[in-house]
Amino acid sequence: MDIEKLIEKYKAGESTLEEEQFLIENASNVDTEMSAWFQYAKQKKKEPTPVLKEQIWASISKKRIQFRIGMFAAAASILVLAVFFINNARQEKLAYEEKEATLKEALAMLSEPEIMPSKKNIIYEDELVIIYNNPE
């Protein structure tokens, strides 16, 4: 490869990562204004630690576990709320049945009043008013 053409391509921003890597490794041998930059980049390039990949996967696994724990907590909360509302509805139903039983018991205690024939004379009767006269 012609290093001069690659340097021009690099300056135009059209080089690929492989071409840039090639320049960083080999441009220090060529006497150009960019060779100093490539030497600097080569010296300052940091290699990842051997355990970096394991640390990344451990972090991802930890986040997955935290997500699962969060989902289980949300599901448990929804379940508790559902049980609360179902239990509350049952108690309201029982309370209604208890009220109904008490009302029936109270009605059974009352005797039917006997309607006695009235000995009163009706003087005037309307939809709203009835006027009686007591014969006594």
N, C-alpha and C. Protein backbone atom coordinates (compact mmCIF):
# COMPACT_ATOMS: atom_id res chain seq x y z
N MET A 1 0.83 -1.19 0.00
CA MET A 1 0.00 0.00 0.00
C MET A 1 0.88 1.25 0.00
N ASP A 2 0.41 2.24 -0.65
CA ASP A 2 1.13 3.51 -0.69
C ASP A 2 0.72 4.34 0.53
N ILE A 3 1.66 4.60 1.42
CA ILE A 3 1.38 5.29 2.67
C ILE A 3 0.94 6.72 2.41
N GLU A 4 1.51 7.37 1.39
CA GLU A 4 1.13 8.76 1.09
C GLU A 4 -0.35 8.87 0.73
N LYS A 5 -0.83 7.91 -0.08
CA LYS A 5 -2.27 7.91 -0.46
C LYS A 5 -3.14 7.65 0.76
N LEU A 6 -2.69 6.75 1.62
CA LEU A 6 -3.47 6.46 2.84
C LEU A 6 -3.53 7.68 3.76
N ILE A 7 -2.42 8.42 3.83
CA ILE A 7 -2.40 9.63 4.66
C ILE A 7 -3.38 10.66 4.11
N GLU A 8 -3.42 10.82 2.80
CA GLU A 8 -4.38 11.76 2.18
C GLU A 8 -5.82 11.29 2.44
N LYS A 9 -6.03 10.01 2.34
CA LYS A 9 -7.36 9.45 2.61
C LYS A 9 -7.74 9.68 4.09
N TYR A 10 -6.76 9.53 4.99
CA TYR A 10 -6.97 9.75 6.42
C TYR A 10 -7.34 11.20 6.70
N LYS A 11 -6.63 12.12 6.05
CA LYS A 11 -6.91 13.55 6.23
C LYS A 11 -8.30 13.91 5.73
N ALA A 12 -8.74 13.25 4.65
CA ALA A 12 -10.07 13.53 4.10
C ALA A 12 -11.16 12.84 4.91
N GLY A 13 -10.79 11.97 5.83
CA GLY A 13 -11.78 11.27 6.67
C GLY A 13 -12.43 10.11 5.96
N GLU A 14 -11.75 9.54 4.99
CA GLU A 14 -12.32 8.46 4.20
C GLU A 14 -11.63 7.13 4.44
N SER A 15 -10.71 7.06 5.38
CA SER A 15 -9.98 5.81 5.62
C SER A 15 -10.80 4.88 6.50
N THR A 16 -10.55 3.59 6.37
CA THR A 16 -11.23 2.59 7.19
C THR A 16 -10.42 2.38 8.46
N LEU A 17 -10.96 1.64 9.39
CA LEU A 17 -10.25 1.38 10.63
C LEU A 17 -8.99 0.55 10.38
N GLU A 18 -9.07 -0.38 9.45
CA GLU A 18 -7.89 -1.19 9.13
C GLU A 18 -6.78 -0.31 8.54
N GLU A 19 -7.15 0.61 7.67
CA GLU A 19 -6.15 1.50 7.07
C GLU A 19 -5.53 2.43 8.13
N GLU A 20 -6.34 2.91 9.06
CA GLU A 20 -5.81 3.76 10.12
C GLU A 20 -4.86 2.97 11.01
N GLN A 21 -5.21 1.73 11.30
CA GLN A 21 -4.34 0.88 12.11
C GLN A 21 -3.01 0.66 11.38
N PHE A 22 -3.08 0.41 10.08
CA PHE A 22 -1.87 0.23 9.28
C PHE A 22 -1.00 1.49 9.32
N LEU A 23 -1.64 2.66 9.22
CA LEU A 23 -0.90 3.92 9.27
C LEU A 23 -0.22 4.12 10.62
N ILE A 24 -0.93 3.84 11.69
CA ILE A 24 -0.37 4.03 13.03
C ILE A 24 0.84 3.14 13.22
N GLU A 25 0.79 1.94 12.71
CA GLU A 25 1.90 1.00 12.89
C GLU A 25 3.07 1.27 11.95
N ASN A 26 2.83 1.77 10.73
CA ASN A 26 3.88 1.85 9.72
C ASN A 26 4.27 3.27 9.31
N ALA A 27 3.51 4.28 9.67
CA ALA A 27 3.81 5.64 9.20
C ALA A 27 4.99 6.26 9.91
N SER A 28 5.40 5.69 11.02
CA SER A 28 6.55 6.27 11.73
C SER A 28 7.83 6.13 10.92
N ASN A 29 7.84 5.20 9.97
CA ASN A 29 9.02 4.99 9.13
C ASN A 29 9.11 6.04 8.03
N VAL A 30 8.00 6.68 7.69
CA VAL A 30 7.96 7.65 6.60
C VAL A 30 8.14 9.04 7.19
N ASP A 31 8.87 9.89 6.49
CA ASP A 31 9.11 11.24 6.98
C ASP A 31 8.04 12.18 6.43
N THR A 32 6.92 12.31 7.15
CA THR A 32 5.85 13.24 6.77
C THR A 32 5.42 13.99 8.02
N GLU A 33 4.61 15.01 7.81
CA GLU A 33 4.12 15.78 8.96
C GLU A 33 3.19 14.96 9.84
N MET A 34 2.52 13.96 9.27
CA MET A 34 1.57 13.15 10.04
C MET A 34 2.27 12.02 10.79
N SER A 35 3.50 11.73 10.46
CA SER A 35 4.18 10.61 11.12
C SER A 35 4.33 10.88 12.62
N ALA A 36 4.54 12.13 13.00
CA ALA A 36 4.64 12.46 14.43
C ALA A 36 3.31 12.16 15.13
N TRP A 37 2.20 12.49 14.48
CA TRP A 37 0.89 12.19 15.05
C TRP A 37 0.68 10.69 15.20
N PHE A 38 1.07 9.92 14.20
CA PHE A 38 0.88 8.47 14.26
C PHE A 38 1.80 7.85 15.32
N GLN A 39 3.02 8.39 15.50
CA GLN A 39 3.89 7.90 16.56
C GLN A 39 3.27 8.19 17.93
N TYR A 40 2.71 9.39 18.09
CA TYR A 40 2.05 9.74 19.35
C TYR A 40 0.87 8.80 19.61
N ALA A 41 0.05 8.56 18.58
CA ALA A 41 -1.11 7.68 18.74
C ALA A 41 -0.67 6.27 19.08
N LYS A 42 0.43 5.82 18.50
CA LYS A 42 0.93 4.48 18.77
C LYS A 42 1.41 4.37 20.22
N GLN A 43 2.08 5.41 20.73
CA GLN A 43 2.58 5.37 22.09
C GLN A 43 1.46 5.48 23.12
N LYS A 44 0.44 6.26 22.83
CA LYS A 44 -0.64 6.51 23.80
C LYS A 44 -1.78 5.48 23.71
N LYS A 45 -1.69 4.61 22.73
CA LYS A 45 -2.75 3.61 22.58
C LYS A 45 -2.71 2.67 23.77
N LYS A 46 -3.84 2.47 24.37
CA LYS A 46 -3.93 1.60 25.54
C LYS A 46 -4.54 0.27 25.12
N GLU A 47 -3.93 -0.77 25.57
CA GLU A 47 -4.46 -2.11 25.32
C GLU A 47 -5.41 -2.45 26.46
N PRO A 48 -6.50 -3.09 26.15
CA PRO A 48 -7.43 -3.45 27.22
C PRO A 48 -6.82 -4.54 28.11
N THR A 49 -7.20 -4.50 29.37
CA THR A 49 -6.70 -5.50 30.30
C THR A 49 -7.29 -6.86 29.94
N PRO A 50 -6.60 -7.92 30.27
CA PRO A 50 -7.10 -9.25 29.89
C PRO A 50 -8.43 -9.60 30.56
N VAL A 51 -8.73 -9.00 31.68
CA VAL A 51 -9.97 -9.33 32.38
C VAL A 51 -11.11 -8.39 32.01
N LEU A 52 -10.88 -7.48 31.05
CA LEU A 52 -11.91 -6.51 30.68
C LEU A 52 -13.16 -7.21 30.16
N LYS A 53 -12.97 -8.20 29.30
CA LYS A 53 -14.12 -8.90 28.74
C LYS A 53 -14.93 -9.58 29.84
N GLU A 54 -14.25 -10.18 30.79
CA GLU A 54 -14.94 -10.83 31.91
C GLU A 54 -15.67 -9.80 32.77
N GLN A 55 -15.06 -8.64 32.97
CA GLN A 55 -15.71 -7.59 33.76
C GLN A 55 -16.97 -7.08 33.05
N ILE A 56 -16.90 -6.94 31.75
CA ILE A 56 -18.07 -6.48 30.99
C ILE A 56 -19.19 -7.49 31.11
N TRP A 57 -18.89 -8.77 30.91
CA TRP A 57 -19.93 -9.79 31.00
C TRP A 57 -20.49 -9.90 32.42
N ALA A 58 -19.64 -9.72 33.42
CA ALA A 58 -20.11 -9.75 34.80
C ALA A 58 -21.08 -8.59 35.05
N SER A 59 -20.76 -7.42 34.51
CA SER A 59 -21.63 -6.26 34.67
C SER A 59 -22.97 -6.49 33.97
N ILE A 60 -22.93 -7.05 32.78
CA ILE A 60 -24.17 -7.33 32.05
C ILE A 60 -25.00 -8.35 32.80
N SER A 61 -24.36 -9.41 33.31
CA SER A 61 -25.08 -10.44 34.07
C SER A 61 -25.70 -9.85 35.32
N LYS A 62 -24.96 -8.95 35.97
CA LYS A 62 -25.48 -8.30 37.19
C LYS A 62 -26.73 -7.49 36.87
N LYS A 63 -26.67 -6.76 35.74
CA LYS A 63 -27.83 -5.95 35.36
C LYS A 63 -29.01 -6.84 35.00
N ARG A 64 -28.76 -7.98 34.37
CA ARG A 64 -29.85 -8.91 34.05
C ARG A 64 -30.50 -9.44 35.32
N ILE A 65 -29.66 -9.77 36.31
CA ILE A 65 -30.19 -10.28 37.57
C ILE A 65 -31.01 -9.19 38.26
N GLN A 66 -30.50 -7.95 38.26
CA GLN A 66 -31.24 -6.85 38.87
C GLN A 66 -32.57 -6.63 38.15
N PHE A 67 -32.57 -6.75 36.83
CA PHE A 67 -33.81 -6.59 36.06
C PHE A 67 -34.81 -7.68 36.43
N ARG A 68 -34.31 -8.91 36.53
CA ARG A 68 -35.21 -10.02 36.91
C ARG A 68 -35.76 -9.83 38.32
N ILE A 69 -34.92 -9.39 39.23
CA ILE A 69 -35.39 -9.15 40.60
C ILE A 69 -36.46 -8.05 40.59
N GLY A 70 -36.22 -7.01 39.81
CA GLY A 70 -37.22 -5.94 39.69
C GLY A 70 -38.54 -6.44 39.12
N MET A 71 -38.45 -7.31 38.10
CA MET A 71 -39.68 -7.86 37.52
C MET A 71 -40.42 -8.74 38.52
N PHE A 72 -39.68 -9.56 39.29
CA PHE A 72 -40.32 -10.39 40.31
C PHE A 72 -40.96 -9.52 41.39
N ALA A 73 -40.30 -8.43 41.76
CA ALA A 73 -40.86 -7.53 42.77
C ALA A 73 -42.15 -6.88 42.26
N ALA A 74 -42.14 -6.47 40.99
CA ALA A 74 -43.34 -5.87 40.41
C ALA A 74 -44.48 -6.89 40.34
N ALA A 75 -44.16 -8.12 39.94
CA ALA A 75 -45.18 -9.17 39.87
C ALA A 75 -45.74 -9.47 41.26
N ALA A 76 -44.87 -9.51 42.27
CA ALA A 76 -45.34 -9.77 43.63
C ALA A 76 -46.23 -8.64 44.12
N SER A 77 -45.89 -7.41 43.80
CA SER A 77 -46.71 -6.27 44.21
C SER A 77 -48.09 -6.33 43.57
N ILE A 78 -48.13 -6.67 42.30
CA ILE A 78 -49.41 -6.79 41.60
C ILE A 78 -50.24 -7.92 42.21
N LEU A 79 -49.59 -9.03 42.55
CA LEU A 79 -50.29 -10.15 43.16
C LEU A 79 -50.87 -9.76 44.52
N VAL A 80 -50.09 -9.04 45.32
CA VAL A 80 -50.57 -8.61 46.64
C VAL A 80 -51.78 -7.68 46.48
N LEU A 81 -51.72 -6.75 45.54
CA LEU A 81 -52.85 -5.84 45.32
C LEU A 81 -54.08 -6.61 44.85
N ALA A 82 -53.89 -7.59 43.98
CA ALA A 82 -55.03 -8.38 43.50
C ALA A 82 -55.68 -9.15 44.64
N VAL A 83 -54.85 -9.75 45.49
CA VAL A 83 -55.40 -10.49 46.64
C VAL A 83 -56.15 -9.53 47.57
N PHE A 84 -55.61 -8.34 47.79
CA PHE A 84 -56.26 -7.36 48.65
C PHE A 84 -57.64 -6.98 48.11
N PHE A 85 -57.72 -6.69 46.80
CA PHE A 85 -59.00 -6.29 46.23
C PHE A 85 -60.00 -7.44 46.22
N ILE A 86 -59.55 -8.64 45.95
CA ILE A 86 -60.47 -9.80 45.96
C ILE A 86 -60.98 -10.03 47.38
N ASN A 87 -60.09 -9.96 48.37
CA ASN A 87 -60.50 -10.16 49.76
C ASN A 87 -61.45 -9.06 50.20
N ASN A 88 -61.20 -7.83 49.79
CA ASN A 88 -62.06 -6.70 50.14
C ASN A 88 -63.45 -6.89 49.54
N ALA A 89 -63.52 -7.38 48.29
CA ALA A 89 -64.81 -7.61 47.65
C ALA A 89 -65.59 -8.70 48.39
N ARG A 90 -64.88 -9.74 48.85
CA ARG A 90 -65.56 -10.82 49.60
C ARG A 90 -66.10 -10.29 50.92
N GLN A 91 -65.33 -9.44 51.59
CA GLN A 91 -65.80 -8.89 52.86
C GLN A 91 -67.03 -8.01 52.66
N GLU A 92 -67.04 -7.24 51.58
CA GLU A 92 -68.21 -6.41 51.30
C GLU A 92 -69.42 -7.28 51.02
N LYS A 93 -69.22 -8.39 50.31
CA LYS A 93 -70.32 -9.31 50.02
C LYS A 93 -70.84 -9.93 51.31
N LEU A 94 -69.92 -10.33 52.21
CA LEU A 94 -70.34 -10.90 53.48
C LEU A 94 -71.07 -9.85 54.32
N ALA A 95 -70.58 -8.64 54.30
CA ALA A 95 -71.23 -7.58 55.07
C ALA A 95 -72.65 -7.35 54.53
N TYR A 96 -72.84 -7.39 53.23
CA TYR A 96 -74.17 -7.22 52.65
C TYR A 96 -75.07 -8.38 53.07
N GLU A 97 -74.54 -9.60 53.03
CA GLU A 97 -75.34 -10.76 53.44
C GLU A 97 -75.70 -10.69 54.92
N GLU A 98 -74.77 -10.23 55.76
CA GLU A 98 -75.05 -10.08 57.19
C GLU A 98 -76.14 -9.03 57.41
N LYS A 99 -76.06 -7.92 56.69
CA LYS A 99 -77.09 -6.89 56.81
C LYS A 99 -78.45 -7.42 56.38
N GLU A 100 -78.46 -8.17 55.30
CA GLU A 100 -79.72 -8.73 54.82
C GLU A 100 -80.31 -9.69 55.84
N ALA A 101 -79.47 -10.53 56.46
CA ALA A 101 -79.95 -11.48 57.47
C ALA A 101 -80.50 -10.74 58.69
N THR A 102 -79.80 -9.69 59.11
CA THR A 102 -80.27 -8.90 60.26
C THR A 102 -81.60 -8.23 59.96
N LEU A 103 -81.75 -7.72 58.75
CA LEU A 103 -83.00 -7.08 58.36
C LEU A 103 -84.15 -8.08 58.34
N LYS A 104 -83.89 -9.26 57.81
CA LYS A 104 -84.94 -10.29 57.80
C LYS A 104 -85.34 -10.71 59.21
N GLU A 105 -84.34 -10.80 60.10
CA GLU A 105 -84.62 -11.16 61.48
C GLU A 105 -85.46 -10.08 62.16
N ALA A 106 -85.13 -8.81 61.90
CA ALA A 106 -85.89 -7.71 62.49
C ALA A 106 -87.31 -7.68 61.94
N LEU A 107 -87.45 -7.95 60.64
CA LEU A 107 -88.80 -7.99 60.06
C LEU A 107 -89.61 -9.14 60.62
N ALA A 108 -88.95 -10.26 60.92
CA ALA A 108 -89.67 -11.40 61.48
C ALA A 108 -90.15 -11.10 62.90
N MET A 109 -89.43 -10.25 63.62
CA MET A 109 -89.83 -9.90 64.98
C MET A 109 -91.07 -9.02 65.00
N LEU A 110 -91.23 -8.25 63.95
CA LEU A 110 -92.39 -7.37 63.90
C LEU A 110 -93.60 -8.17 63.46
N SER A 111 -94.68 -7.95 64.13
CA SER A 111 -95.91 -8.63 63.71
C SER A 111 -96.65 -7.73 62.73
N GLU A 112 -97.35 -8.34 61.87
CA GLU A 112 -98.14 -7.59 60.89
C GLU A 112 -99.24 -6.84 61.64
N PRO A 113 -99.33 -5.55 61.52
CA PRO A 113 -100.39 -4.83 62.21
C PRO A 113 -101.74 -5.11 61.53
N GLU A 114 -102.68 -5.33 62.36
CA GLU A 114 -104.01 -5.57 61.83
C GLU A 114 -104.66 -4.23 61.51
N ILE A 115 -105.22 -4.15 60.37
CA ILE A 115 -105.87 -2.91 59.96
C ILE A 115 -107.30 -2.96 60.48
N MET A 116 -107.60 -2.02 61.33
CA MET A 116 -108.93 -1.96 61.91
C MET A 116 -109.80 -1.06 61.04
N PRO A 117 -110.98 -1.47 60.89
CA PRO A 117 -111.85 -0.61 60.10
C PRO A 117 -112.04 0.74 60.79
N SER A 118 -111.98 1.72 60.00
CA SER A 118 -112.07 3.06 60.53
C SER A 118 -113.54 3.41 60.79
N LYS A 119 -113.75 4.09 61.87
CA LYS A 119 -115.08 4.54 62.20
C LYS A 119 -115.21 6.02 61.94
N LYS A 120 -114.32 6.51 61.14
CA LYS A 120 -114.32 7.92 60.84
C LYS A 120 -115.03 8.15 59.53
N ASN A 121 -115.64 9.28 59.45
CA ASN A 121 -116.33 9.66 58.21
C ASN A 121 -115.39 10.53 57.37
N ILE A 122 -115.35 10.22 56.11
CA ILE A 122 -114.51 11.01 55.20
C ILE A 122 -115.34 12.18 54.72
N ILE A 123 -114.83 13.37 54.96
CA ILE A 123 -115.52 14.57 54.53
C ILE A 123 -115.05 14.96 53.13
N TYR A 124 -113.74 14.94 52.97
CA TYR A 124 -113.18 15.34 51.67
C TYR A 124 -111.98 14.43 51.38
N GLU A 125 -111.90 13.99 50.13
CA GLU A 125 -110.76 13.14 49.73
C GLU A 125 -110.22 13.64 48.39
N ASP A 126 -108.93 13.79 48.35
CA ASP A 126 -108.23 14.25 47.15
C ASP A 126 -107.01 13.35 46.97
N GLU A 127 -106.22 13.63 45.92
CA GLU A 127 -105.01 12.82 45.72
C GLU A 127 -104.00 13.02 46.84
N LEU A 128 -103.98 14.22 47.40
CA LEU A 128 -103.01 14.54 48.42
C LEU A 128 -103.60 14.60 49.83
N VAL A 129 -104.86 14.88 49.95
CA VAL A 129 -105.44 15.17 51.26
C VAL A 129 -106.70 14.33 51.46
N ILE A 130 -106.80 13.80 52.67
CA ILE A 130 -108.06 13.16 53.09
C ILE A 130 -108.46 13.83 54.41
N ILE A 131 -109.70 14.31 54.45
CA ILE A 131 -110.20 14.98 55.66
C ILE A 131 -111.25 14.08 56.27
N TYR A 132 -110.99 13.73 57.56
CA TYR A 132 -111.89 12.85 58.30
C TYR A 132 -112.70 13.66 59.32
N ASN A 133 -113.80 13.06 59.66
CA ASN A 133 -114.65 13.61 60.70
C ASN A 133 -114.88 12.49 61.69
N ASN A 134 -114.60 12.77 62.94
CA ASN A 134 -114.77 11.75 63.96
C ASN A 134 -116.20 11.81 64.47
N PRO A 135 -116.93 10.70 64.40
CA PRO A 135 -118.35 10.75 64.79
C PRO A 135 -118.59 10.94 66.28
N GLU A 136 -117.63 10.92 67.09
CA GLU A 136 -117.83 11.06 68.52
C GLU A 136 -118.27 12.40 68.94
